C-alpha atoms as a PDB file:
ATOM      1  CA  MET A   1     103.332  22.289 -25.986  1.00  0.00           C
ATOM      2  CA  HIS A   2     103.439  24.635 -28.866  1.00  0.00           C
ATOM      3  CA  ARG A   3     101.540  27.144 -26.860  1.00  0.00           C
ATOM      4  CA  ARG A   4     101.857  30.330 -29.498  1.00  0.00           C
ATOM      5  CA  ARG A   5     100.727  28.276 -32.215  1.00  0.00           C
ATOM      6  CA  PHE A   6      97.412  27.401 -30.231  1.00  0.00           C
ATOM      7  CA  LEU A   7      96.872  30.832 -29.191  1.00  0.00           C
ATOM      8  CA  LYS A   8      96.953  31.956 -32.887  1.00  0.00           C
ATOM      9  CA  SER A   9      94.631  29.413 -33.963  1.00  0.00           C
ATOM     10  CA  ALA A  10      92.203  30.115 -31.380  1.00  0.00           C
ATOM     11  CA  ALA A  11      92.540  33.845 -32.150  1.00  0.00           C
ATOM     12  CA  ALA A  12      91.384  32.578 -35.800  1.00  0.00           C
ATOM     13  CA  ALA A  13      89.063  30.749 -35.290  1.00  0.00           C
ATOM     14  CA  ALA A  14      80.014  23.292 -13.367  1.00  0.00           C
ATOM     15  CA  LEU A  15      78.727  20.607 -12.044  1.00  0.00           C
ATOM     16  CA  ALA A  16      79.748  20.016  -8.287  1.00  0.00           C
ATOM     17  CA  SER A  17      78.723  17.634  -5.984  1.00  0.00           C
ATOM     18  CA  GLN A  18      77.559  18.904  -2.650  1.00  0.00           C
ATOM     19  CA  VAL A  19      80.029  18.175   0.028  1.00  0.00           C
ATOM     20  CA  ALA A  20      80.917  19.257   3.424  1.00  0.00           C
ATOM     21  CA  ALA A  21      83.451  21.823   3.309  1.00  0.00           C
ATOM     22  CA  PRO A  22      86.803  21.351   5.209  1.00  0.00           C
ATOM     23  CA  ASP A  23      87.833  24.029   7.610  1.00  0.00           C
ATOM     24  CA  VAL A  24      90.031  26.259   5.826  1.00  0.00           C
ATOM     25  CA  ALA A  25      90.463  28.674   8.773  1.00  0.00           C
ATOM     26  CA  ALA A  26      93.135  26.711  10.172  1.00  0.00           C
ATOM     27  CA  ARG A  27      95.048  27.065   6.663  1.00  0.00           C
ATOM     28  CA  ALA A  28      94.208  30.751   6.101  1.00  0.00           C
ATOM     29  CA  LEU A  29      97.203  32.998   6.516  1.00  0.00           C
ATOM     30  CA  THR A  30      97.657  36.847   5.707  1.00  0.00           C
ATOM     31  CA  SER A  31     100.125  37.903   3.084  1.00  0.00           C
ATOM     32  CA  ALA A  32     102.570  40.804   3.479  1.00  0.00           C
ATOM     33  CA  ALA A  33      99.929  42.869   1.231  1.00  0.00           C
ATOM     34  CA  GLY A  34      97.079  42.038   3.794  1.00  0.00           C
ATOM     35  CA  SER A  35      95.042  39.550   1.629  1.00  0.00           C
ATOM     36  CA  PRO A  36      94.011  36.084   3.013  1.00  0.00           C
ATOM     37  CA  VAL A  37      96.186  33.316   1.738  1.00  0.00           C
ATOM     38  CA  ILE A  38      95.229  29.708   1.857  1.00  0.00           C
ATOM     39  CA  LYS A  39      97.632  26.506   1.998  1.00  0.00           C
ATOM     40  CA  PRO A  40      96.653  23.151   0.422  1.00  0.00           C
ATOM     41  CA  LYS A  41      97.345  20.116   2.613  1.00  0.00           C
ATOM     42  CA  ARG A  42     100.662  18.272   1.849  1.00  0.00           C
ATOM     43  CA  LEU A  43     100.581  15.170  -0.277  1.00  0.00           C
ATOM     44  CA  SER A  44     101.223  11.727   0.965  1.00  0.00           C
ATOM     45  CA  PRO A  45     101.625   8.332  -0.931  1.00  0.00           C
ATOM     46  CA  GLY A  46      98.160   6.540  -1.243  1.00  0.00           C
ATOM     47  CA  ASP A  47      96.549   9.967  -1.881  1.00  0.00           C
ATOM     48  CA  THR A  48      94.207  10.407  -4.936  1.00  0.00           C
ATOM     49  CA  VAL A  49      95.165  12.546  -7.677  1.00  0.00           C
ATOM     50  CA  ALA A  50      92.725  13.999 -10.181  1.00  0.00           C
ATOM     51  CA  LEU A  51      94.589  13.804 -13.711  1.00  0.00           C
ATOM     52  CA  ILE A  52      92.744  16.699 -15.752  1.00  0.00           C
ATOM     53  CA  SER A  53      93.301  18.018 -19.453  1.00  0.00           C
ATOM     54  CA  PRO A  54      92.106  21.886 -19.605  1.00  0.00           C
ATOM     55  CA  ALA A  55      94.061  22.715 -22.426  1.00  0.00           C
ATOM     56  CA  ASN A  56      95.013  20.471 -25.662  1.00  0.00           C
ATOM     57  CA  ALA A  57      93.455  17.131 -26.338  1.00  0.00           C
ATOM     58  CA  THR A  58      95.481  13.985 -25.579  1.00  0.00           C
ATOM     59  CA  PHE A  59      95.284  12.346 -29.007  1.00  0.00           C
ATOM     60  CA  ASN A  60      97.069   8.992 -28.039  1.00  0.00           C
ATOM     61  CA  THR A  61      95.915   6.836 -25.147  1.00  0.00           C
ATOM     62  CA  VAL A  62      99.747   5.822 -24.629  1.00  0.00           C
ATOM     63  CA  GLU A  63     100.405   9.420 -23.241  1.00  0.00           C
ATOM     64  CA  LEU A  64      97.676   9.137 -20.733  1.00  0.00           C
ATOM     65  CA  ASP A  65      99.002   5.733 -19.848  1.00  0.00           C
ATOM     66  CA  ILE A  66     102.534   7.228 -19.258  1.00  0.00           C
ATOM     67  CA  ALA A  67     100.953  10.530 -17.293  1.00  0.00           C
ATOM     68  CA  ARG A  68      99.037   7.854 -15.271  1.00  0.00           C
ATOM     69  CA  GLU A  69     101.839   5.313 -14.515  1.00  0.00           C
ATOM     70  CA  SER A  70     104.242   8.227 -13.627  1.00  0.00           C
ATOM     71  CA  LEU A  71     101.974   9.772 -10.928  1.00  0.00           C
ATOM     72  CA  GLU A  72     101.372   5.952  -9.697  1.00  0.00           C
ATOM     73  CA  ALA A  73     105.032   5.716  -9.652  1.00  0.00           C
ATOM     74  CA  LEU A  74     104.996   8.402  -6.943  1.00  0.00           C
ATOM     75  CA  GLY A  75     102.769   6.533  -4.939  1.00  0.00           C
ATOM     76  CA  PHE A  76      99.352   8.202  -5.954  1.00  0.00           C
ATOM     77  CA  LYS A  77      96.131   6.746  -6.788  1.00  0.00           C
ATOM     78  CA  VAL A  78      95.255   8.258 -10.046  1.00  0.00           C
ATOM     79  CA  ARG A  79      91.479   9.237 -10.889  1.00  0.00           C
ATOM     80  CA  GLN A  80      91.081  10.301 -14.843  1.00  0.00           C
ATOM     81  CA  SER A  81      88.877  13.081 -15.116  1.00  0.00           C
ATOM     82  CA  PRO A  82      85.523  12.085 -17.401  1.00  0.00           C
ATOM     83  CA  HIS A  83      86.252  14.161 -20.375  1.00  0.00           C
ATOM     84  CA  MET A  84      90.126  13.390 -20.622  1.00  0.00           C
ATOM     85  CA  LEU A  85      89.895  12.010 -23.974  1.00  0.00           C
ATOM     86  CA  GLU A  86      87.340  14.121 -25.524  1.00  0.00           C
ATOM     87  CA  ARG A  87      88.164  16.403 -28.343  1.00  0.00           C
ATOM     88  CA  HIS A  88      86.752  19.562 -29.617  1.00  0.00           C
ATOM     89  CA  GLY A  89      89.375  20.635 -32.500  1.00  0.00           C
ATOM     90  CA  TYR A  90      92.729  20.911 -30.575  1.00  0.00           C
ATOM     91  CA  LEU A  91      91.161  21.092 -27.308  1.00  0.00           C
ATOM     92  CA  ALA A  92      90.351  18.365 -24.906  1.00  0.00           C
ATOM     93  CA  GLY A  93      86.557  18.711 -25.183  1.00  0.00           C
ATOM     94  CA  ASP A  94      84.479  21.888 -24.877  1.00  0.00           C
ATOM     95  CA  ASP A  95      84.999  24.446 -22.531  1.00  0.00           C
ATOM     96  CA  LYS A  96      82.151  23.660 -20.073  1.00  0.00           C
ATOM     97  CA  ALA A  97      83.149  20.134 -19.890  1.00  0.00           C
ATOM     98  CA  ARG A  98      86.868  20.892 -19.369  1.00  0.00           C
ATOM     99  CA  ALA A  99      85.775  23.304 -16.667  1.00  0.00           C
ATOM    100  CA  ALA A 100      83.258  20.877 -14.810  1.00  0.00           C
ATOM    101  CA  ASP A 101      86.236  18.376 -14.494  1.00  0.00           C
ATOM    102  CA  ILE A 102      88.277  20.922 -12.417  1.00  0.00           C
ATOM    103  CA  ASN A 103      85.048  21.846 -10.423  1.00  0.00           C
ATOM    104  CA  SER A 104      84.289  18.416  -9.546  1.00  0.00           C
ATOM    105  CA  ALA A 105      87.877  17.606  -8.835  1.00  0.00           C
ATOM    106  CA  PHE A 106      88.018  20.046  -6.145  1.00  0.00           C
ATOM    107  CA  ALA A 107      84.455  19.449  -4.816  1.00  0.00           C
ATOM    108  CA  ASP A 108      85.388  15.796  -4.294  1.00  0.00           C
ATOM    109  CA  ARG A 109      86.859  15.792  -0.647  1.00  0.00           C
ATOM    110  CA  SER A 110      88.645  12.371  -1.693  1.00  0.00           C
ATOM    111  CA  ILE A 111      90.943  13.995  -4.090  1.00  0.00           C
ATOM    112  CA  ALA A 112      94.079  15.690  -2.517  1.00  0.00           C
ATOM    113  CA  CYS A 113      95.477  16.998  -5.802  1.00  0.00           C
ATOM    114  CA  VAL A 114      94.382  18.328  -9.335  1.00  0.00           C
ATOM    115  CA  HIS A 115      97.083  17.520 -11.730  1.00  0.00           C
ATOM    116  CA  ALA A 116      97.325  18.767 -15.361  1.00  0.00           C
ATOM    117  CA  ILE A 117      98.219  16.140 -17.931  1.00  0.00           C
ATOM    118  CA  ARG A 118      99.664  18.867 -20.510  1.00  0.00           C
ATOM    119  CA  GLY A 119      99.475  22.464 -21.644  1.00  0.00           C
ATOM    120  CA  GLY A 120      99.351  23.974 -25.282  1.00  0.00           C
ATOM    121  CA  TRP A 121      96.214  26.350 -25.130  1.00  0.00           C
ATOM    122  CA  GLY A 122      92.993  26.346 -23.834  1.00  0.00           C
ATOM    123  CA  SER A 123      92.761  26.937 -19.988  1.00  0.00           C
ATOM    124  CA  ALA A 124      92.112  30.776 -20.103  1.00  0.00           C
ATOM    125  CA  ARG A 125      88.769  29.888 -21.715  1.00  0.00           C
ATOM    126  CA  LEU A 126      87.670  28.128 -18.843  1.00  0.00           C
ATOM    127  CA  LEU A 127      88.056  30.817 -16.427  1.00  0.00           C
ATOM    128  CA  PRO A 128      84.291  31.922 -16.701  1.00  0.00           C
ATOM    129  CA  ASP A 129      83.068  28.696 -15.849  1.00  0.00           C
ATOM    130  CA  LEU A 130      85.095  27.740 -12.637  1.00  0.00           C
ATOM    131  CA  ASP A 131      83.583  27.542  -9.278  1.00  0.00           C
ATOM    132  CA  PHE A 132      85.902  29.689  -7.371  1.00  0.00           C
ATOM    133  CA  ASP A 133      83.728  29.589  -4.278  1.00  0.00           C
ATOM    134  CA  ALA A 134      83.843  25.702  -4.407  1.00  0.00           C
ATOM    135  CA  ILE A 135      87.406  25.891  -4.890  1.00  0.00           C
ATOM    136  CA  ARG A 136      87.947  28.110  -2.054  1.00  0.00           C
ATOM    137  CA  ARG A 137      85.738  25.680   0.341  1.00  0.00           C
ATOM    138  CA  ASN A 138      87.901  22.577  -0.525  1.00  0.00           C
ATOM    139  CA  PRO A 139      91.642  23.716  -1.040  1.00  0.00           C
ATOM    140  CA  LYS A 140      94.048  21.362  -2.386  1.00  0.00           C
ATOM    141  CA  ILE A 141      97.139  21.389  -4.527  1.00  0.00           C
ATOM    142  CA  LEU A 142      96.769  22.417  -8.043  1.00  0.00           C
ATOM    143  CA  ILE A 143      99.914  21.960 -10.172  1.00  0.00           C
ATOM    144  CA  GLY A 144     101.072  22.486 -13.697  1.00  0.00           C
ATOM    145  CA  TYR A 145     102.942  24.911 -16.106  1.00  0.00           C
ATOM    146  CA  SER A 146     102.876  26.513 -19.288  1.00  0.00           C
ATOM    147  CA  ASP A 147      99.081  27.155 -20.592  1.00  0.00           C
ATOM    148  CA  ILE A 148      98.113  26.114 -17.010  1.00  0.00           C
ATOM    149  CA  THR A 149      99.486  29.496 -16.030  1.00  0.00           C
ATOM    150  CA  ALA A 150      96.169  30.803 -16.497  1.00  0.00           C
ATOM    151  CA  LEU A 151      94.406  28.484 -14.056  1.00  0.00           C
ATOM    152  CA  LEU A 152      97.229  28.795 -11.548  1.00  0.00           C
ATOM    153  CA  LEU A 153      97.010  32.479 -11.245  1.00  0.00           C
ATOM    154  CA  SER A 154      93.245  32.786 -11.573  1.00  0.00           C
ATOM    155  CA  VAL A 155      92.515  30.477  -8.742  1.00  0.00           C
ATOM    156  CA  HIS A 156      95.207  32.262  -6.434  1.00  0.00           C
ATOM    157  CA  ALA A 157      93.592  35.569  -7.549  1.00  0.00           C
ATOM    158  CA  LYS A 158      90.236  34.645  -6.898  1.00  0.00           C
ATOM    159  CA  THR A 159      90.293  32.284  -3.824  1.00  0.00           C
ATOM    160  CA  GLY A 160      93.724  32.947  -2.147  1.00  0.00           C
ATOM    161  CA  LEU A 161      94.908  29.333  -2.624  1.00  0.00           C
ATOM    162  CA  ILE A 162      98.697  28.838  -3.023  1.00  0.00           C
ATOM    163  CA  THR A 163      98.961  27.108  -6.571  1.00  0.00           C
ATOM    164  CA  PHE A 164     102.101  25.343  -7.912  1.00  0.00           C
ATOM    165  CA  HIS A 165     104.104  26.025 -10.939  1.00  0.00           C
ATOM    166  CA  GLY A 166     105.708  22.578 -11.710  1.00  0.00           C
ATOM    167  CA  PRO A 167     105.746  19.396 -13.427  1.00  0.00           C
ATOM    168  CA  ILE A 168     102.904  18.214 -15.698  1.00  0.00           C
ATOM    169  CA  GLY A 169     101.923  14.565 -16.093  1.00  0.00           C
ATOM    170  CA  LEU A 170     103.699  13.954 -19.568  1.00  0.00           C
ATOM    171  CA  GLY A 171     106.458  16.422 -18.366  1.00  0.00           C
ATOM    172  CA  ARG A 172     109.818  15.864 -17.068  1.00  0.00           C
ATOM    173  CA  TRP A 173     110.349  13.487 -13.806  1.00  0.00           C
ATOM    174  CA  ASP A 174     114.036  13.545 -13.696  1.00  0.00           C
ATOM    175  CA  PRO A 175     115.529  13.320 -10.329  1.00  0.00           C
ATOM    176  CA  TYR A 176     116.341  16.976  -9.945  1.00  0.00           C
ATOM    177  CA  SER A 177     112.745  17.892 -10.674  1.00  0.00           C
ATOM    178  CA  LEU A 178     111.302  14.971  -8.512  1.00  0.00           C
ATOM    179  CA  ASP A 179     113.434  16.244  -5.673  1.00  0.00           C
ATOM    180  CA  TYR A 180     112.142  20.042  -5.576  1.00  0.00           C
ATOM    181  CA  TYR A 181     108.468  18.353  -6.165  1.00  0.00           C
ATOM    182  CA  LYS A 182     108.818  15.960  -3.036  1.00  0.00           C
ATOM    183  CA  ARG A 183     110.355  18.601  -0.916  1.00  0.00           C
ATOM    184  CA  VAL A 184     107.893  21.359  -1.414  1.00  0.00           C
ATOM    185  CA  LEU A 185     104.717  19.031  -1.635  1.00  0.00           C
ATOM    186  CA  PHE A 186     105.311  16.152   0.184  1.00  0.00           C
ATOM    187  CA  ASN A 187     107.674  17.440   2.982  1.00  0.00           C
ATOM    188  CA  GLY A 188     106.416  20.986   3.282  1.00  0.00           C
ATOM    189  CA  GLU A 189     110.137  22.314   3.301  1.00  0.00           C
ATOM    190  CA  GLN A 190     111.405  25.885   3.089  1.00  0.00           C
ATOM    191  CA  VAL A 191     113.407  25.229   0.285  1.00  0.00           C
ATOM    192  CA  THR A 192     116.407  27.198  -1.304  1.00  0.00           C
ATOM    193  CA  TYR A 193     115.930  27.152  -5.464  1.00  0.00           C
ATOM    194  CA  SER A 194     119.365  26.911  -6.941  1.00  0.00           C
ATOM    195  CA  ASN A 195     120.439  25.898 -10.568  1.00  0.00           C
ATOM    196  CA  LYS A 196     121.730  22.257 -11.125  1.00  0.00           C
ATOM    197  CA  GLN A 197     125.239  22.286 -10.653  1.00  0.00           C
ATOM    198  CA  GLY A 198     127.813  20.288 -12.749  1.00  0.00           C
ATOM    199  CA  ILE A 199     130.429  20.348 -15.315  1.00  0.00           C
ATOM    200  CA  SER A 200     129.606  17.955 -18.433  1.00  0.00           C
ATOM    201  CA  ALA A 201     133.133  16.365 -19.318  1.00  0.00           C
ATOM    202  CA  ASP A 202     131.720  15.360 -22.961  1.00  0.00           C
ATOM    203  CA  ARG A 203     131.099  19.197 -23.621  1.00  0.00           C
ATOM    204  CA  ASN A 204     133.509  21.211 -21.497  1.00  0.00           C
ATOM    205  CA  ALA A 205     135.448  19.918 -18.641  1.00  0.00           C
ATOM    206  CA  LEU A 206     136.682  23.326 -17.498  1.00  0.00           C
ATOM    207  CA  THR A 207     133.711  25.443 -16.633  1.00  0.00           C
ATOM    208  CA  GLN A 208     129.926  24.580 -16.142  1.00  0.00           C
ATOM    209  CA  VAL A 209     128.132  25.382 -19.468  1.00  0.00           C
ATOM    210  CA  GLU A 210     124.661  24.379 -19.012  1.00  0.00           C
ATOM    211  CA  TYR A 211     122.233  25.908 -16.416  1.00  0.00           C
ATOM    212  CA  ARG A 212     124.061  29.135 -15.997  1.00  0.00           C
ATOM    213  CA  THR A 213     122.555  32.221 -14.257  1.00  0.00           C
ATOM    214  CA  ARG A 214     122.956  35.824 -14.749  1.00  0.00           C
ATOM    215  CA  THR A 215     122.543  38.809 -12.675  1.00  0.00           C
ATOM    216  CA  ILE A 216     120.462  41.729 -14.427  1.00  0.00           C
ATOM    217  CA  THR A 217     120.429  43.606 -10.927  1.00  0.00           C
ATOM    218  CA  PRO A 218     122.120  42.565  -8.127  1.00  0.00           C
ATOM    219  CA  GLY A 219     120.514  42.636  -4.679  1.00  0.00           C
ATOM    220  CA  LYS A 220     117.806  40.669  -2.428  1.00  0.00           C
ATOM    221  CA  ALA A 221     114.159  41.295  -2.294  1.00  0.00           C
ATOM    222  CA  ARG A 222     111.274  39.646  -0.411  1.00  0.00           C
ATOM    223  CA  GLY A 223     107.565  39.400  -1.899  1.00  0.00           C
ATOM    224  CA  ARG A 224     105.032  37.120  -2.961  1.00  0.00           C
ATOM    225  CA  LEU A 225     105.970  34.975  -5.924  1.00  0.00           C
ATOM    226  CA  LEU A 226     103.854  35.086  -8.910  1.00  0.00           C
ATOM    227  CA  GLY A 227     104.206  34.551 -12.464  1.00  0.00           C
ATOM    228  CA  GLY A 228     104.297  31.377 -15.085  1.00  0.00           C
ATOM    229  CA  ASN A 229     104.615  31.583 -18.893  1.00  0.00           C
ATOM    230  CA  LEU A 230     104.916  34.957 -20.142  1.00  0.00           C
ATOM    231  CA  THR A 231     102.525  34.755 -23.121  1.00  0.00           C
ATOM    232  CA  VAL A 232      99.815  33.072 -21.312  1.00  0.00           C
ATOM    233  CA  LEU A 233     100.336  35.837 -18.560  1.00  0.00           C
ATOM    234  CA  THR A 234     100.019  38.791 -20.821  1.00  0.00           C
ATOM    235  CA  THR A 235      97.025  37.078 -22.650  1.00  0.00           C
ATOM    236  CA  ILE A 236      94.985  37.408 -19.738  1.00  0.00           C
ATOM    237  CA  LEU A 237      96.345  41.089 -18.684  1.00  0.00           C
ATOM    238  CA  GLY A 238      93.332  43.293 -18.098  1.00  0.00           C
ATOM    239  CA  SER A 239      90.860  40.512 -16.987  1.00  0.00           C
ATOM    240  CA  PRO A 240      89.701  40.070 -13.415  1.00  0.00           C
ATOM    241  CA  TYR A 241      91.641  36.704 -13.125  1.00  0.00           C
ATOM    242  CA  LEU A 242      95.078  37.942 -12.298  1.00  0.00           C
ATOM    243  CA  PRO A 243      96.237  38.727  -8.802  1.00  0.00           C
ATOM    244  CA  ASP A 244      97.636  42.205  -7.424  1.00  0.00           C
ATOM    245  CA  TRP A 245     101.183  42.629  -8.384  1.00  0.00           C
ATOM    246  CA  ASP A 246     102.094  45.390  -5.693  1.00  0.00           C
ATOM    247  CA  GLY A 247     105.204  44.093  -4.279  1.00  0.00           C
ATOM    248  CA  ALA A 248     105.364  40.827  -5.897  1.00  0.00           C
ATOM    249  CA  ILE A 249     108.378  38.863  -7.268  1.00  0.00           C
ATOM    250  CA  LEU A 250     107.697  38.305 -10.895  1.00  0.00           C
ATOM    251  CA  PHE A 251     108.731  35.083 -12.511  1.00  0.00           C
ATOM    252  CA  CYS A 252     108.485  34.202 -16.187  1.00  0.00           C
ATOM    253  CA  GLU A 253     109.374  31.759 -18.983  1.00  0.00           C
ATOM    254  CA  ASP A 254     108.771  31.082 -22.390  1.00  0.00           C
ATOM    255  CA  VAL A 255     108.839  28.886 -25.627  1.00  0.00           C
ATOM    256  CA  HIS A 256     108.883  29.026 -29.096  1.00  0.00           C
ATOM    257  CA  GLU A 257     108.629  33.064 -29.265  1.00  0.00           C
ATOM    258  CA  ASP A 258     110.750  35.202 -31.567  1.00  0.00           C
ATOM    259  CA  LEU A 259     112.776  37.874 -29.297  1.00  0.00           C
ATOM    260  CA  TYR A 260     110.570  40.672 -30.572  1.00  0.00           C
ATOM    261  CA  ARG A 261     107.796  38.965 -28.928  1.00  0.00           C
ATOM    262  CA  ILE A 262     109.522  38.692 -25.695  1.00  0.00           C
ATOM    263  CA  ASP A 263     110.187  42.568 -26.064  1.00  0.00           C
ATOM    264  CA  ARG A 264     106.479  43.317 -27.175  1.00  0.00           C
ATOM    265  CA  MET A 265     105.371  41.275 -23.565  1.00  0.00           C
ATOM    266  CA  LEU A 266     107.432  42.974 -21.303  1.00  0.00           C
ATOM    267  CA  THR A 267     106.724  46.204 -22.788  1.00  0.00           C
ATOM    268  CA  GLN A 268     102.885  45.227 -22.491  1.00  0.00           C
ATOM    269  CA  LEU A 269     103.573  44.306 -18.563  1.00  0.00           C
ATOM    270  CA  LYS A 270     105.446  47.828 -18.540  1.00  0.00           C
ATOM    271  CA  LEU A 271     102.508  49.783 -20.011  1.00  0.00           C
ATOM    272  CA  ALA A 272      99.911  47.980 -18.103  1.00  0.00           C
ATOM    273  CA  GLY A 273     101.680  49.010 -14.862  1.00  0.00           C
ATOM    274  CA  VAL A 274     102.858  45.447 -13.596  1.00  0.00           C
ATOM    275  CA  LEU A 275     106.587  45.973 -13.819  1.00  0.00           C
ATOM    276  CA  GLY A 276     106.311  49.137 -11.655  1.00  0.00           C
ATOM    277  CA  LYS A 277     104.710  47.274  -8.795  1.00  0.00           C
ATOM    278  CA  ILE A 278     107.136  44.235  -8.382  1.00  0.00           C
ATOM    279  CA  LYS A 279     109.889  44.097  -5.894  1.00  0.00           C
ATOM    280  CA  GLY A 280     112.112  41.476  -7.819  1.00  0.00           C
ATOM    281  CA  PHE A 281     112.072  39.592 -11.376  1.00  0.00           C
ATOM    282  CA  VAL A 282     113.320  36.191 -12.221  1.00  0.00           C
ATOM    283  CA  PHE A 283     113.385  34.792 -15.765  1.00  0.00           C
ATOM    284  CA  GLY A 284     113.826  31.090 -16.540  1.00  0.00           C
ATOM    285  CA  GLY A 285     114.257  29.393 -19.734  1.00  0.00           C
ATOM    286  CA  CYS A 286     113.257  30.650 -23.264  1.00  0.00           C
ATOM    287  CA  SER A 287     113.154  27.439 -25.302  1.00  0.00           C
ATOM    288  CA  GLU A 288     113.873  28.000 -29.047  1.00  0.00           C
ATOM    289  CA  CYS A 289     113.524  31.828 -28.790  1.00  0.00           C
ATOM    290  CA  GLY A 290     115.520  33.497 -31.455  1.00  0.00           C
ATOM    291  CA  PRO A 291     115.610  36.352 -33.677  1.00  0.00           C
ATOM    292  CA  GLY A 292     113.066  34.937 -36.192  1.00  0.00           C
ATOM    293  CA  ASP A 293     113.165  34.812 -39.538  1.00  0.00           C
ATOM    294  CA  GLY A 294     114.573  37.970 -41.324  1.00  0.00           C
ATOM    295  CA  ASN A 295     115.131  39.951 -37.924  1.00  0.00           C
ATOM    296  CA  TYR A 296     118.755  40.586 -38.701  1.00  0.00           C
ATOM    297  CA  GLY A 297     120.051  42.469 -35.933  1.00  0.00           C
ATOM    298  CA  ALA A 298     117.386  41.624 -33.404  1.00  0.00           C
ATOM    299  CA  LEU A 299     117.656  42.610 -29.740  1.00  0.00           C
ATOM    300  CA  THR A 300     119.124  39.707 -27.463  1.00  0.00           C
ATOM    301  CA  LEU A 301     117.355  38.702 -24.248  1.00  0.00           C
ATOM    302  CA  GLU A 302     120.140  40.545 -22.315  1.00  0.00           C
ATOM    303  CA  GLU A 303     119.504  43.705 -24.285  1.00  0.00           C
ATOM    304  CA  ILE A 304     115.774  43.268 -23.654  1.00  0.00           C
ATOM    305  CA  PHE A 305     116.155  42.818 -19.783  1.00  0.00           C
ATOM    306  CA  ALA A 306     118.717  45.872 -20.233  1.00  0.00           C
ATOM    307  CA  ASP A 307     115.930  47.944 -21.730  1.00  0.00           C
ATOM    308  CA  HIS A 308     112.820  46.902 -19.591  1.00  0.00           C
ATOM    309  CA  ILE A 309     114.113  45.335 -16.236  1.00  0.00           C
ATOM    310  CA  GLN A 310     117.270  47.020 -15.484  1.00  0.00           C
ATOM    311  CA  PRO A 311     115.566  50.509 -15.120  1.00  0.00           C
ATOM    312  CA  LEU A 312     113.337  49.216 -12.666  1.00  0.00           C
ATOM    313  CA  GLY A 313     116.152  49.003  -9.994  1.00  0.00           C
ATOM    314  CA  VAL A 314     115.013  46.161  -8.556  1.00  0.00           C
ATOM    315  CA  PRO A 315     116.791  42.658  -7.824  1.00  0.00           C
ATOM    316  CA  ALA A 316     116.551  40.724 -10.965  1.00  0.00           C
ATOM    317  CA  TRP A 317     118.207  37.718 -12.660  1.00  0.00           C
ATOM    318  CA  SER A 318     117.680  34.983 -15.345  1.00  0.00           C
ATOM    319  CA  GLY A 319     118.489  31.748 -15.975  1.00  0.00           C
ATOM    320  CA  ALA A 320     116.250  29.934 -13.514  1.00  0.00           C
ATOM    321  CA  MET A 321     115.398  26.361 -13.638  1.00  0.00           C
ATOM    322  CA  ILE A 322     111.975  27.356 -14.866  1.00  0.00           C
ATOM    323  CA  GLY A 323     110.691  26.614 -18.145  1.00  0.00           C
ATOM    324  CA  HIS A 324     109.893  23.791 -20.919  1.00  0.00           C
ATOM    325  CA  ALA A 325     113.562  22.363 -21.909  1.00  0.00           C
ATOM    326  CA  GLN A 326     115.093  21.976 -18.580  1.00  0.00           C
ATOM    327  CA  PRO A 327     114.693  20.029 -15.284  1.00  0.00           C
ATOM    328  CA  GLN A 328     112.167  22.328 -13.174  1.00  0.00           C
ATOM    329  CA  TRP A 329     111.341  23.373  -9.876  1.00  0.00           C
ATOM    330  CA  THR A 330     107.971  23.322  -8.165  1.00  0.00           C
ATOM    331  CA  LEU A 331     107.200  26.767  -7.295  1.00  0.00           C
ATOM    332  CA  PRO A 332     104.235  27.929  -4.948  1.00  0.00           C
ATOM    333  CA  GLU A 333     102.272  30.852  -6.536  1.00  0.00           C
ATOM    334  CA  GLY A 334     101.442  33.051  -3.514  1.00  0.00           C
ATOM    335  CA  ALA A 335     104.027  32.180  -1.074  1.00  0.00           C
ATOM    336  CA  GLN A 336     106.517  34.656   0.395  1.00  0.00           C
ATOM    337  CA  VAL A 337     109.986  34.353  -1.035  1.00  0.00           C
ATOM    338  CA  GLU A 338     113.289  36.030  -1.134  1.00  0.00           C
ATOM    339  CA  ILE A 339     115.504  36.133  -4.123  1.00  0.00           C
ATOM    340  CA  ASP A 340     119.469  36.849  -4.113  1.00  0.00           C
ATOM    341  CA  ALA A 341     120.033  38.167  -7.920  1.00  0.00           C
ATOM    342  CA  ALA A 342     123.905  37.706  -7.405  1.00  0.00           C
ATOM    343  CA  ALA A 343     123.497  34.218  -6.240  1.00  0.00           C
ATOM    344  CA  GLY A 344     120.598  33.304  -8.466  1.00  0.00           C
ATOM    345  CA  THR A 345     118.447  31.880  -5.880  1.00  0.00           C
ATOM    346  CA  ILE A 346     114.844  31.762  -4.554  1.00  0.00           C
ATOM    347  CA  VAL A 347     114.536  31.070  -0.987  1.00  0.00           C
ATOM    348  CA  LEU A 348     110.934  29.947   0.218  1.00  0.00           C
ATOM    349  CA  LEU A 349     110.293  31.892   3.427  1.00  0.00           C
ATOM    350  CA  GLU A 350     107.494  29.643   4.618  1.00  0.00           C
ATOM    351  CA  PRO A 351     106.073  26.293   3.814  1.00  0.00           C
ATOM    352  CA  ALA A 352     103.559  26.257   0.882  1.00  0.00           C
ATOM    353  CA  VAL A 353     101.628  23.446   2.229  1.00  0.00           C
ATOM    354  CA  THR A 354     100.051  22.705   5.715  1.00  0.00           C
END
């Protein structure tokens, strides 16, 4: 999960079966921006899930067991991708093999969901080898977070398919995270996302300490929800694998980044014109993000948001349950939402699945 370490290491250093395409027309809608949007079919107990490893290698088979058993506990049949336990350095096999696993999973009509086992680094390397036409013809749920951001955004950009920023196979399966996962993917609810509430008596019995939100700029805004890991997003900026940000609600999170890097990445989004297009902004967790060695007097996150986000004048808030070190929401990339920056909520305006 140490995504930055693997990005630095990488800087230093399709075959699909022929199957009949389902009728996607019934699932195709039109977004506010006029682009086609495809919703995948909702999940049900007994569905088959393809467990893929598009990024870091899984070095210990016990981790594969844990991920498989977790998904089985949800009522799924789990199909392990052919190259799951292969290795190419820190990657789970070579690029073409990992891409072939994704292409095959989408082409197989018996599979209802393509579920990443972990993140790390490597998903962006697969984008030129993905069969986006086959993915468009065979829409199904694609879910993960962190490095999987590259897959979620590229698949949505190239096909219109709503993808899902949510738990990985080896991630958190706590009751709070499970509740949102089931309500969005099984029930197709138009949920209201709001932070976990409750006072922890063993820390501070007078007020809520954990999972607090903070308004950057008050107000409400509607738009397509798009985003993910900030580092991964900026890594593929300028490529043909990102969606149109016009009128979007941008959400971000990160982990193990010095604060000057967050400043630098938001600067990059501003210079690239992304921040000037969005209607709203939500920031989740920034786990283990500090000033860095020797960076005395570094800007805080609040000061960074004051420099880059407040001048936009769009509704914005931080502290959302999105990220690496807290229970997390299952968020649909490309679905229409409304945010309330004063209340610290995201409201899903439409079901994300059919």
